[in-house]
Amino acid sequence: MELSFSIIELYSLLVQLRPARQADFEDTIKEFSAKLSLVPLPPPGQLHVSFSLRPLHVFLPSKEDQDSPLIDIDLHLPLLCFTHTTLLQVLSCLLQEQRLVFFSADWARLTLFAESLLLYLQPLSWQQPYVPVLAGGMLDFLMAPTAFLMGCHISHFEEVAAVSTTIL
């Protein structure tokens, strides 16, 4: 995705967004960013998206590389769940192809979290078994001798911790 603005356009935006107080400025920027994040990305092909967020008129062309995936998930979830140090350790474990199991009380969050981590690895890709949500009846999969990335409900934490030397 390529956005091109002239320096004058960006400066005029900054002048319009800059109120007297710093807190108001941060709130305005957050509101602008939130509105911008709601704009859908155009699918590959001839379709383009054009919209206006006063004072800017933004034109989003469709992506040129048809083979790369279109990312339409919230990538900041791992940043909310872990400190930066822990997140770097998790990414390091992924790059070293270690066994990883993530736990959450929210089933949907497991998938979003795991998908975000895999997108952080790009242009590399995870080649090992990947099960974003592992059902309770399939916990035996965690005893596999290979590296894997799996997600489990938090109610299975003690079962998994008792039988596995997996990095939790």
N, C-alpha and C. Protein backbone atom coordinates (compact mmCIF):
# COMPACT_ATOMS: atom_id res chain seq x y z
N MET A 1 0.84 -1.16 0.00
CA MET A 1 0.00 0.00 0.00
C MET A 1 0.90 1.23 0.00
N GLU A 2 0.64 2.12 -0.90
CA GLU A 2 1.47 3.30 -1.03
C GLU A 2 0.59 4.53 -0.89
N LEU A 3 0.91 5.38 0.07
CA LEU A 3 0.24 6.65 0.24
C LEU A 3 1.25 7.73 -0.10
N SER A 4 0.85 8.65 -0.93
CA SER A 4 1.79 9.72 -1.25
C SER A 4 1.11 11.06 -0.99
N PHE A 5 1.76 11.85 -0.18
CA PHE A 5 1.28 13.18 0.16
C PHE A 5 2.43 14.15 0.00
N SER A 6 2.10 15.35 -0.37
CA SER A 6 3.15 16.36 -0.45
C SER A 6 3.43 16.87 0.95
N ILE A 7 4.57 17.49 1.11
CA ILE A 7 4.95 18.05 2.40
C ILE A 7 3.95 19.11 2.82
N ILE A 8 3.46 19.87 1.89
CA ILE A 8 2.49 20.92 2.20
C ILE A 8 1.19 20.32 2.73
N GLU A 9 0.72 19.20 2.12
CA GLU A 9 -0.49 18.55 2.59
C GLU A 9 -0.33 18.02 4.02
N LEU A 10 0.81 17.39 4.29
CA LEU A 10 1.04 16.85 5.62
C LEU A 10 1.21 17.98 6.65
N TYR A 11 1.87 19.04 6.26
CA TYR A 11 2.04 20.15 7.18
C TYR A 11 0.69 20.80 7.48
N SER A 12 -0.15 20.96 6.45
CA SER A 12 -1.46 21.56 6.68
C SER A 12 -2.30 20.66 7.58
N LEU A 13 -2.15 19.34 7.45
CA LEU A 13 -2.86 18.43 8.34
C LEU A 13 -2.37 18.62 9.77
N LEU A 14 -1.07 18.69 9.95
CA LEU A 14 -0.51 18.86 11.28
C LEU A 14 -0.97 20.16 11.91
N VAL A 15 -1.01 21.22 11.15
CA VAL A 15 -1.46 22.51 11.67
C VAL A 15 -2.92 22.44 12.09
N GLN A 16 -3.74 21.75 11.30
CA GLN A 16 -5.16 21.64 11.62
C GLN A 16 -5.40 20.71 12.81
N LEU A 17 -4.55 19.71 12.98
CA LEU A 17 -4.73 18.77 14.07
C LEU A 17 -4.12 19.24 15.38
N ARG A 18 -3.30 20.26 15.31
CA ARG A 18 -2.55 20.69 16.50
C ARG A 18 -3.33 21.73 17.30
N PRO A 19 -4.11 21.29 18.28
CA PRO A 19 -4.78 22.25 19.15
C PRO A 19 -3.82 22.77 20.21
N ALA A 20 -4.34 23.56 21.10
CA ALA A 20 -3.50 24.23 22.09
C ALA A 20 -2.90 23.25 23.11
N ARG A 21 -3.66 22.25 23.52
CA ARG A 21 -3.18 21.34 24.56
C ARG A 21 -2.65 20.04 23.97
N GLN A 22 -1.62 19.49 24.60
CA GLN A 22 -1.00 18.26 24.14
C GLN A 22 -1.97 17.08 24.23
N ALA A 23 -2.78 17.02 25.28
CA ALA A 23 -3.73 15.92 25.46
C ALA A 23 -4.76 15.92 24.34
N ASP A 24 -5.24 17.11 23.95
CA ASP A 24 -6.19 17.19 22.85
C ASP A 24 -5.55 16.74 21.54
N PHE A 25 -4.30 17.09 21.35
CA PHE A 25 -3.58 16.69 20.14
C PHE A 25 -3.48 15.17 20.06
N GLU A 26 -3.11 14.53 21.18
CA GLU A 26 -3.00 13.07 21.18
C GLU A 26 -4.36 12.42 20.93
N ASP A 27 -5.42 12.96 21.53
CA ASP A 27 -6.75 12.41 21.30
C ASP A 27 -7.17 12.55 19.84
N THR A 28 -6.85 13.69 19.24
CA THR A 28 -7.19 13.92 17.84
C THR A 28 -6.45 12.95 16.93
N ILE A 29 -5.17 12.74 17.21
CA ILE A 29 -4.38 11.81 16.41
C ILE A 29 -4.93 10.39 16.58
N LYS A 30 -5.29 10.01 17.81
CA LYS A 30 -5.85 8.67 18.04
C LYS A 30 -7.17 8.50 17.30
N GLU A 31 -8.00 9.52 17.32
CA GLU A 31 -9.28 9.46 16.61
C GLU A 31 -9.06 9.35 15.10
N PHE A 32 -8.14 10.14 14.58
CA PHE A 32 -7.82 10.09 13.15
C PHE A 32 -7.30 8.71 12.77
N SER A 33 -6.40 8.15 13.60
CA SER A 33 -5.84 6.83 13.33
C SER A 33 -6.91 5.75 13.39
N ALA A 34 -7.82 5.87 14.35
CA ALA A 34 -8.89 4.88 14.48
C ALA A 34 -9.79 4.91 13.24
N LYS A 35 -10.13 6.10 12.77
CA LYS A 35 -10.96 6.21 11.56
C LYS A 35 -10.22 5.65 10.35
N LEU A 36 -8.94 5.93 10.26
CA LEU A 36 -8.14 5.44 9.14
C LEU A 36 -8.05 3.92 9.15
N SER A 37 -7.98 3.33 10.35
CA SER A 37 -7.87 1.87 10.43
C SER A 37 -9.16 1.16 10.04
N LEU A 38 -10.29 1.87 10.01
CA LEU A 38 -11.57 1.26 9.63
C LEU A 38 -11.77 1.19 8.13
N VAL A 39 -10.92 1.85 7.38
CA VAL A 39 -11.05 1.84 5.92
C VAL A 39 -10.56 0.49 5.39
N PRO A 40 -11.39 -0.21 4.62
CA PRO A 40 -10.97 -1.52 4.11
C PRO A 40 -9.90 -1.39 3.03
N LEU A 41 -9.04 -2.38 2.97
CA LEU A 41 -8.04 -2.42 1.91
C LEU A 41 -8.69 -2.93 0.63
N PRO A 42 -8.31 -2.38 -0.50
CA PRO A 42 -8.89 -2.88 -1.76
C PRO A 42 -8.36 -4.27 -2.08
N PRO A 43 -9.21 -5.12 -2.64
CA PRO A 43 -8.73 -6.46 -3.02
C PRO A 43 -7.83 -6.37 -4.25
N PRO A 44 -7.05 -7.42 -4.50
CA PRO A 44 -6.21 -7.40 -5.70
C PRO A 44 -7.07 -7.25 -6.95
N GLY A 45 -6.57 -6.54 -7.91
CA GLY A 45 -7.30 -6.34 -9.15
C GLY A 45 -7.37 -4.87 -9.51
N GLN A 46 -8.45 -4.50 -10.18
CA GLN A 46 -8.60 -3.14 -10.69
C GLN A 46 -9.28 -2.18 -9.72
N LEU A 47 -9.81 -2.68 -8.63
CA LEU A 47 -10.55 -1.85 -7.68
C LEU A 47 -9.61 -1.03 -6.82
N HIS A 48 -9.93 0.26 -6.64
CA HIS A 48 -9.17 1.15 -5.77
C HIS A 48 -10.12 1.76 -4.77
N VAL A 49 -9.59 2.19 -3.63
CA VAL A 49 -10.41 2.83 -2.60
C VAL A 49 -9.97 4.27 -2.47
N SER A 50 -10.95 5.14 -2.48
CA SER A 50 -10.68 6.57 -2.33
C SER A 50 -11.61 7.08 -1.24
N PHE A 51 -11.07 7.84 -0.29
CA PHE A 51 -11.88 8.37 0.80
C PHE A 51 -11.29 9.69 1.27
N SER A 52 -12.08 10.37 2.06
CA SER A 52 -11.65 11.67 2.56
C SER A 52 -11.72 11.69 4.07
N LEU A 53 -10.61 12.02 4.69
CA LEU A 53 -10.56 12.28 6.12
C LEU A 53 -10.08 13.72 6.23
N ARG A 54 -10.99 14.59 6.44
CA ARG A 54 -10.67 16.01 6.37
C ARG A 54 -9.42 16.33 7.16
N PRO A 55 -8.48 16.99 6.58
CA PRO A 55 -8.44 17.70 5.32
C PRO A 55 -7.80 16.88 4.19
N LEU A 56 -7.54 15.60 4.41
CA LEU A 56 -6.84 14.81 3.40
C LEU A 56 -7.81 14.00 2.54
N HIS A 57 -7.45 13.86 1.28
CA HIS A 57 -8.14 12.94 0.39
C HIS A 57 -7.14 11.82 0.10
N VAL A 58 -7.51 10.59 0.48
CA VAL A 58 -6.59 9.46 0.40
C VAL A 58 -7.06 8.51 -0.70
N PHE A 59 -6.12 8.05 -1.50
CA PHE A 59 -6.38 7.12 -2.59
C PHE A 59 -5.52 5.87 -2.33
N LEU A 60 -6.18 4.72 -2.13
CA LEU A 60 -5.47 3.46 -1.89
C LEU A 60 -5.57 2.58 -3.13
N PRO A 61 -4.49 2.41 -3.86
CA PRO A 61 -4.54 1.50 -5.01
C PRO A 61 -4.53 0.05 -4.53
N SER A 62 -4.98 -0.86 -5.38
CA SER A 62 -4.89 -2.27 -5.03
C SER A 62 -3.42 -2.68 -5.05
N LYS A 63 -3.12 -3.72 -4.32
CA LYS A 63 -1.71 -4.11 -4.23
C LYS A 63 -1.22 -4.71 -5.54
N GLU A 64 0.04 -4.45 -5.82
CA GLU A 64 0.61 -4.90 -7.09
C GLU A 64 0.99 -6.38 -7.05
N ASP A 65 1.45 -6.85 -5.91
CA ASP A 65 1.89 -8.24 -5.80
C ASP A 65 0.68 -9.12 -5.48
N GLN A 66 0.21 -9.85 -6.47
CA GLN A 66 -0.97 -10.70 -6.30
C GLN A 66 -0.70 -11.91 -5.41
N ASP A 67 0.56 -12.30 -5.26
CA ASP A 67 0.89 -13.50 -4.51
C ASP A 67 0.99 -13.27 -3.01
N SER A 68 1.29 -12.05 -2.59
CA SER A 68 1.42 -11.80 -1.15
C SER A 68 0.02 -11.71 -0.53
N PRO A 69 -0.10 -12.20 0.70
CA PRO A 69 -1.42 -12.22 1.33
C PRO A 69 -1.89 -10.83 1.72
N LEU A 70 -3.19 -10.66 1.72
CA LEU A 70 -3.80 -9.42 2.18
C LEU A 70 -4.00 -9.55 3.68
N ILE A 71 -3.41 -8.67 4.44
CA ILE A 71 -3.45 -8.74 5.90
C ILE A 71 -4.58 -7.84 6.39
N ASP A 72 -5.57 -8.48 6.99
CA ASP A 72 -6.72 -7.71 7.47
C ASP A 72 -7.06 -8.12 8.90
N ILE A 73 -6.01 -8.26 9.73
CA ILE A 73 -6.23 -8.55 11.14
C ILE A 73 -5.48 -7.51 11.96
N ASP A 74 -5.87 -7.41 13.20
CA ASP A 74 -5.28 -6.43 14.11
C ASP A 74 -3.93 -6.95 14.61
N LEU A 75 -2.86 -6.36 14.16
CA LEU A 75 -1.52 -6.86 14.46
C LEU A 75 -0.97 -6.39 15.81
N HIS A 76 -1.70 -5.57 16.52
CA HIS A 76 -1.16 -5.09 17.78
C HIS A 76 -1.54 -5.94 18.99
N LEU A 77 -2.32 -7.00 18.79
CA LEU A 77 -2.73 -7.85 19.90
C LEU A 77 -1.55 -8.43 20.69
N PRO A 78 -0.52 -8.99 20.05
CA PRO A 78 0.61 -9.48 20.83
C PRO A 78 1.30 -8.37 21.65
N LEU A 79 1.27 -7.17 21.14
CA LEU A 79 1.88 -6.05 21.87
C LEU A 79 1.08 -5.70 23.12
N LEU A 80 -0.21 -5.98 23.09
CA LEU A 80 -1.05 -5.74 24.26
C LEU A 80 -0.94 -6.87 25.29
N CYS A 81 -0.67 -8.08 24.81
CA CYS A 81 -0.62 -9.25 25.69
C CYS A 81 0.72 -9.42 26.39
N PHE A 82 1.80 -9.03 25.75
CA PHE A 82 3.14 -9.25 26.29
C PHE A 82 3.92 -7.95 26.36
N THR A 83 4.90 -7.94 27.24
CA THR A 83 5.85 -6.82 27.24
C THR A 83 6.75 -6.98 26.01
N HIS A 84 7.45 -5.94 25.65
CA HIS A 84 8.31 -6.03 24.47
C HIS A 84 9.40 -7.09 24.65
N THR A 85 9.91 -7.25 25.86
CA THR A 85 10.95 -8.25 26.12
C THR A 85 10.39 -9.66 25.92
N THR A 86 9.22 -9.92 26.47
CA THR A 86 8.61 -11.24 26.33
C THR A 86 8.26 -11.52 24.89
N LEU A 87 7.75 -10.52 24.19
CA LEU A 87 7.40 -10.70 22.78
C LEU A 87 8.64 -11.04 21.95
N LEU A 88 9.74 -10.40 22.24
CA LEU A 88 10.99 -10.72 21.53
C LEU A 88 11.45 -12.14 21.84
N GLN A 89 11.24 -12.60 23.07
CA GLN A 89 11.58 -13.98 23.42
C GLN A 89 10.70 -14.96 22.65
N VAL A 90 9.41 -14.65 22.54
CA VAL A 90 8.48 -15.51 21.80
C VAL A 90 8.90 -15.57 20.33
N LEU A 91 9.20 -14.43 19.74
CA LEU A 91 9.63 -14.42 18.33
C LEU A 91 10.94 -15.17 18.16
N SER A 92 11.82 -15.05 19.12
CA SER A 92 13.08 -15.80 19.08
C SER A 92 12.81 -17.30 19.12
N CYS A 93 11.88 -17.72 19.96
CA CYS A 93 11.52 -19.15 20.03
C CYS A 93 10.92 -19.62 18.71
N LEU A 94 10.11 -18.79 18.09
CA LEU A 94 9.54 -19.15 16.79
C LEU A 94 10.63 -19.30 15.74
N LEU A 95 11.57 -18.38 15.74
CA LEU A 95 12.66 -18.44 14.76
C LEU A 95 13.58 -19.64 14.99
N GLN A 96 13.67 -20.07 16.24
CA GLN A 96 14.47 -21.25 16.56
C GLN A 96 13.66 -22.54 16.47
N GLU A 97 12.42 -22.43 16.03
CA GLU A 97 11.52 -23.57 15.85
C GLU A 97 11.40 -24.40 17.12
N GLN A 98 11.03 -23.73 18.19
CA GLN A 98 10.79 -24.43 19.45
C GLN A 98 9.31 -24.74 19.59
N ARG A 99 8.98 -25.53 20.59
CA ARG A 99 7.60 -25.91 20.85
C ARG A 99 6.93 -24.82 21.68
N LEU A 100 5.85 -24.26 21.18
CA LEU A 100 5.17 -23.17 21.86
C LEU A 100 3.68 -23.47 22.01
N VAL A 101 3.17 -23.21 23.21
CA VAL A 101 1.73 -23.34 23.47
C VAL A 101 1.30 -22.04 24.14
N PHE A 102 0.25 -21.43 23.59
CA PHE A 102 -0.31 -20.22 24.17
C PHE A 102 -1.66 -20.54 24.79
N PHE A 103 -1.95 -19.88 25.90
CA PHE A 103 -3.20 -20.09 26.61
C PHE A 103 -3.99 -18.80 26.67
N SER A 104 -5.31 -18.94 26.57
CA SER A 104 -6.20 -17.80 26.71
C SER A 104 -7.58 -18.29 27.11
N ALA A 105 -8.33 -17.45 27.79
CA ALA A 105 -9.72 -17.76 28.12
C ALA A 105 -10.63 -17.44 26.95
N ASP A 106 -10.12 -16.68 25.98
CA ASP A 106 -10.89 -16.27 24.81
C ASP A 106 -10.41 -17.07 23.59
N TRP A 107 -11.28 -17.92 23.07
CA TRP A 107 -10.93 -18.77 21.93
C TRP A 107 -10.51 -17.95 20.71
N ALA A 108 -11.25 -16.91 20.42
CA ALA A 108 -10.96 -16.09 19.23
C ALA A 108 -9.61 -15.40 19.35
N ARG A 109 -9.26 -15.00 20.55
CA ARG A 109 -7.99 -14.30 20.75
C ARG A 109 -6.80 -15.21 20.44
N LEU A 110 -6.94 -16.50 20.71
CA LEU A 110 -5.84 -17.43 20.40
C LEU A 110 -5.48 -17.40 18.93
N THR A 111 -6.50 -17.46 18.08
CA THR A 111 -6.24 -17.45 16.64
C THR A 111 -5.66 -16.13 16.18
N LEU A 112 -6.24 -15.02 16.61
CA LEU A 112 -5.72 -13.71 16.21
C LEU A 112 -4.29 -13.52 16.68
N PHE A 113 -4.01 -13.95 17.89
CA PHE A 113 -2.67 -13.82 18.45
C PHE A 113 -1.66 -14.64 17.64
N ALA A 114 -1.99 -15.89 17.39
CA ALA A 114 -1.07 -16.76 16.65
C ALA A 114 -0.87 -16.27 15.22
N GLU A 115 -1.93 -15.85 14.57
CA GLU A 115 -1.81 -15.34 13.20
C GLU A 115 -0.94 -14.09 13.17
N SER A 116 -1.09 -13.23 14.16
CA SER A 116 -0.26 -12.02 14.23
C SER A 116 1.21 -12.39 14.36
N LEU A 117 1.50 -13.35 15.22
CA LEU A 117 2.90 -13.77 15.39
C LEU A 117 3.48 -14.32 14.08
N LEU A 118 2.69 -15.10 13.38
CA LEU A 118 3.19 -15.66 12.11
C LEU A 118 3.41 -14.56 11.07
N LEU A 119 2.58 -13.53 11.11
CA LEU A 119 2.78 -12.41 10.18
C LEU A 119 4.02 -11.60 10.55
N TYR A 120 4.36 -11.56 11.85
CA TYR A 120 5.58 -10.88 12.26
C TYR A 120 6.83 -11.54 11.68
N LEU A 121 6.73 -12.83 11.39
CA LEU A 121 7.88 -13.56 10.86
C LEU A 121 8.15 -13.28 9.39
N GLN A 122 7.21 -12.71 8.69
CA GLN A 122 7.39 -12.51 7.24
C GLN A 122 8.63 -11.67 6.97
N PRO A 123 9.39 -11.98 5.97
CA PRO A 123 9.14 -12.84 4.82
C PRO A 123 9.40 -14.32 5.10
N LEU A 124 9.81 -14.67 6.31
CA LEU A 124 9.96 -16.09 6.64
C LEU A 124 8.57 -16.67 6.91
N SER A 125 8.48 -17.98 6.89
CA SER A 125 7.19 -18.60 7.18
C SER A 125 7.39 -19.78 8.12
N TRP A 126 6.38 -20.05 8.93
CA TRP A 126 6.40 -21.15 9.87
C TRP A 126 6.10 -22.44 9.13
N GLN A 127 7.02 -23.39 9.17
CA GLN A 127 6.88 -24.64 8.42
C GLN A 127 6.49 -25.82 9.30
N GLN A 128 6.34 -25.59 10.58
CA GLN A 128 6.04 -26.66 11.53
C GLN A 128 4.53 -26.76 11.74
N PRO A 129 4.07 -27.80 12.45
CA PRO A 129 2.63 -27.90 12.73
C PRO A 129 2.11 -26.66 13.47
N TYR A 130 0.95 -26.22 13.04
CA TYR A 130 0.34 -25.01 13.58
C TYR A 130 -1.14 -25.27 13.83
N VAL A 131 -1.54 -25.22 15.09
CA VAL A 131 -2.93 -25.43 15.47
C VAL A 131 -3.31 -24.25 16.38
N PRO A 132 -3.98 -23.24 15.84
CA PRO A 132 -4.26 -22.06 16.66
C PRO A 132 -5.18 -22.33 17.84
N VAL A 133 -6.11 -23.29 17.69
CA VAL A 133 -7.00 -23.64 18.79
C VAL A 133 -7.04 -25.16 18.88
N LEU A 134 -6.46 -25.69 19.94
CA LEU A 134 -6.41 -27.14 20.14
C LEU A 134 -7.54 -27.55 21.07
N ALA A 135 -8.38 -28.46 20.61
CA ALA A 135 -9.51 -28.93 21.41
C ALA A 135 -9.01 -29.76 22.59
N GLY A 136 -9.81 -29.82 23.63
CA GLY A 136 -9.44 -30.55 24.83
C GLY A 136 -9.16 -32.02 24.58
N GLY A 137 -9.88 -32.65 23.65
CA GLY A 137 -9.67 -34.06 23.35
C GLY A 137 -8.43 -34.34 22.53
N MET A 138 -7.75 -33.29 22.10
CA MET A 138 -6.57 -33.47 21.26
C MET A 138 -5.28 -33.04 21.97
N LEU A 139 -5.31 -32.97 23.28
CA LEU A 139 -4.14 -32.51 24.02
C LEU A 139 -2.95 -33.46 23.88
N ASP A 140 -3.19 -34.68 23.43
CA ASP A 140 -2.08 -35.62 23.20
C ASP A 140 -1.14 -35.11 22.11
N PHE A 141 -1.62 -34.25 21.24
CA PHE A 141 -0.78 -33.68 20.19
C PHE A 141 0.40 -32.90 20.77
N LEU A 142 0.25 -32.43 21.99
CA LEU A 142 1.31 -31.64 22.61
C LEU A 142 2.52 -32.49 22.99
N MET A 143 2.39 -33.80 22.91
CA MET A 143 3.52 -34.68 23.21
C MET A 143 4.30 -35.03 21.94
N ALA A 144 4.00 -34.37 20.85
CA ALA A 144 4.71 -34.62 19.59
C ALA A 144 6.18 -34.24 19.76
N PRO A 145 7.08 -34.99 19.14
CA PRO A 145 8.51 -34.71 19.30
C PRO A 145 9.02 -33.54 18.45
N THR A 146 8.17 -32.99 17.60
CA THR A 146 8.61 -31.91 16.72
C THR A 146 8.26 -30.56 17.30
N ALA A 147 8.77 -29.53 16.68
CA ALA A 147 8.40 -28.16 17.04
C ALA A 147 6.97 -27.92 16.59
N PHE A 148 6.25 -27.06 17.30
CA PHE A 148 4.88 -26.73 16.91
C PHE A 148 4.48 -25.41 17.54
N LEU A 149 3.38 -24.87 17.05
CA LEU A 149 2.76 -23.68 17.61
C LEU A 149 1.30 -24.02 17.79
N MET A 150 0.85 -24.00 19.05
CA MET A 150 -0.54 -24.37 19.33
C MET A 150 -1.13 -23.44 20.38
N GLY A 151 -2.44 -23.36 20.37
CA GLY A 151 -3.15 -22.56 21.34
C GLY A 151 -4.16 -23.43 22.09
N CYS A 152 -4.27 -23.22 23.38
CA CYS A 152 -5.19 -24.00 24.22
C CYS A 152 -5.99 -23.06 25.10
N HIS A 153 -7.16 -23.53 25.49
CA HIS A 153 -7.97 -22.78 26.45
C HIS A 153 -7.26 -22.83 27.80
N ILE A 154 -7.40 -21.78 28.57
CA ILE A 154 -6.71 -21.68 29.86
C ILE A 154 -7.13 -22.78 30.82
N SER A 155 -8.30 -23.36 30.62
CA SER A 155 -8.77 -24.43 31.51
C SER A 155 -7.91 -25.68 31.39
N HIS A 156 -7.12 -25.80 30.33
CA HIS A 156 -6.26 -26.97 30.12
C HIS A 156 -4.82 -26.73 30.58
N PHE A 157 -4.57 -25.61 31.21
CA PHE A 157 -3.20 -25.25 31.56
C PHE A 157 -2.52 -26.29 32.44
N GLU A 158 -3.19 -26.72 33.49
CA GLU A 158 -2.56 -27.67 34.42
C GLU A 158 -2.32 -29.02 33.76
N GLU A 159 -3.22 -29.48 32.90
CA GLU A 159 -3.03 -30.74 32.18
C GLU A 159 -1.79 -30.66 31.29
N VAL A 160 -1.67 -29.56 30.57
CA VAL A 160 -0.55 -29.40 29.65
C VAL A 160 0.76 -29.25 30.41
N ALA A 161 0.75 -28.49 31.48
CA ALA A 161 1.97 -28.27 32.26
C ALA A 161 2.45 -29.56 32.92
N ALA A 162 1.53 -30.46 33.26
CA ALA A 162 1.90 -31.70 33.93
C ALA A 162 2.55 -32.71 32.99
N VAL A 163 2.17 -32.71 31.73
CA VAL A 163 2.66 -33.74 30.81
C VAL A 163 3.67 -33.24 29.79
N SER A 164 3.99 -31.97 29.81
CA SER A 164 4.79 -31.44 28.72
C SER A 164 5.97 -30.62 29.21
N THR A 165 7.04 -30.66 28.45
CA THR A 165 8.19 -29.79 28.70
C THR A 165 8.17 -28.64 27.70
N THR A 166 7.01 -28.39 27.13
CA THR A 166 6.83 -27.34 26.14
C THR A 166 7.05 -25.98 26.77
N ILE A 167 7.54 -25.05 26.00
CA ILE A 167 7.65 -23.67 26.46
C ILE A 167 6.25 -23.11 26.56
N LEU A 168 5.85 -22.66 27.72
CA LEU A 168 4.49 -22.15 27.93
C LEU A 168 4.50 -20.63 28.02
